Amino acid sequence: MKFDFRGEDQEANPREVLLMVYSALKEKGYNPINQLVGYLLSGDPAYIPRHNNARALIRKLERDELLEELVKTFLESNQQQD
């Protein structure tokens, strides 16, 4: 029997993970912003549902990686051009 673990070795993209988790939270009827903030502040995975594998996806990344992506994206999208 042959196993392929390549999918597990690939690094998760913080932007894609956040978007997928956001979508899963909306589908389940949660307020995605409140749930993500709760998770980022506490580290408690209970803020993220298992729906669409969202909890497993978000736990592949460290919370500081997610925060870095959020800050970077916010600042890049709000930069004023001189």
Protein backbone atom coordinates (compact mmCIF):
# COMPACT_ATOMS: atom_id res chain seq x y z
CA MET A 1 0.00 0.00 0.00
CA LYS A 2 1.34 3.44 -0.92
CA PHE A 3 0.60 6.62 1.02
CA ASP A 4 0.93 10.15 -0.28
CA PHE A 5 1.51 12.72 2.43
CA ARG A 6 2.50 15.60 0.16
CA GLY A 7 -0.71 17.50 0.93
CA GLU A 8 0.23 17.65 4.60
CA ASP A 9 3.74 18.94 3.90
CA GLN A 10 2.59 21.94 1.91
CA GLU A 11 2.50 25.15 3.88
CA ALA A 12 -0.90 26.70 4.36
CA ASN A 13 -1.38 30.15 2.85
CA PRO A 14 -2.64 32.50 5.61
CA ARG A 15 -4.75 34.57 3.19
CA GLU A 16 -6.48 31.50 1.73
CA VAL A 17 -7.03 29.96 5.16
CA LEU A 18 -8.62 33.14 6.50
CA LEU A 19 -10.91 33.40 3.49
CA MET A 20 -11.99 29.75 3.72
CA VAL A 21 -12.61 30.00 7.46
CA TYR A 22 -14.54 33.25 6.97
CA SER A 23 -16.72 31.53 4.39
CA ALA A 24 -17.35 28.52 6.65
CA LEU A 25 -18.33 30.80 9.53
CA LYS A 26 -20.78 32.73 7.34
CA GLU A 27 -22.30 29.47 6.03
CA LYS A 28 -22.91 28.32 9.61
CA GLY A 29 -24.59 31.64 10.48
CA TYR A 30 -21.87 32.98 12.77
CA ASN A 31 -20.50 36.52 12.81
CA PRO A 32 -17.14 35.74 11.17
CA ILE A 33 -15.33 38.82 12.47
CA ASN A 34 -16.31 38.17 16.10
CA GLN A 35 -15.40 34.49 15.85
CA LEU A 36 -12.02 35.14 14.24
CA VAL A 37 -11.16 37.83 16.79
CA GLY A 38 -12.14 35.47 19.60
CA TYR A 39 -9.90 32.76 18.16
CA LEU A 40 -6.97 35.11 17.55
CA LEU A 41 -7.13 36.56 21.07
CA SER A 42 -7.68 33.33 22.97
CA GLY A 43 -6.31 30.57 20.77
CA ASP A 44 -9.41 28.54 21.61
CA PRO A 45 -10.31 26.47 18.52
CA ALA A 46 -13.93 26.26 19.70
CA TYR A 47 -14.46 29.66 18.06
CA ILE A 48 -14.00 27.98 14.67
CA PRO A 49 -16.47 25.29 13.54
CA ARG A 50 -15.44 22.00 11.99
CA HIS A 51 -17.68 22.87 9.02
CA ASN A 52 -15.74 22.59 5.72
CA ASN A 53 -12.66 21.57 7.74
CA ALA A 54 -12.26 25.19 8.93
CA ARG A 55 -10.92 24.30 12.38
CA ALA A 56 -8.25 21.98 11.03
CA LEU A 57 -7.24 24.56 8.40
CA ILE A 58 -6.83 27.43 10.82
CA ARG A 59 -4.85 25.30 13.27
CA LYS A 60 -2.22 24.60 10.58
CA LEU A 61 -1.01 28.16 11.11
CA GLU A 62 0.24 30.01 14.16
CA ARG A 63 -1.94 32.87 15.29
CA ASP A 64 0.91 35.35 14.75
CA GLU A 65 1.04 34.30 11.07
CA LEU A 66 -2.67 35.06 10.73
CA LEU A 67 -2.29 38.43 12.47
CA GLU A 68 0.67 39.30 10.28
CA GLU A 69 -1.40 38.59 7.16
CA LEU A 70 -4.29 40.69 8.44
CA VAL A 71 -2.09 43.68 9.31
CA LYS A 72 -0.12 43.45 6.07
CA THR A 73 -3.26 43.26 3.94
CA PHE A 74 -4.94 46.10 5.83
CA LEU A 75 -1.94 48.40 5.51
CA GLU A 76 -1.37 47.56 1.84
CA SER A 77 -4.98 48.23 0.97
CA ASN A 78 -5.06 51.51 2.90
CA GLN A 79 -1.76 53.03 1.86
CA GLN A 80 -2.06 56.48 0.48
CA GLN A 81 -0.04 57.00 -2.63
CA ASP A 82 2.15 60.08 -2.49
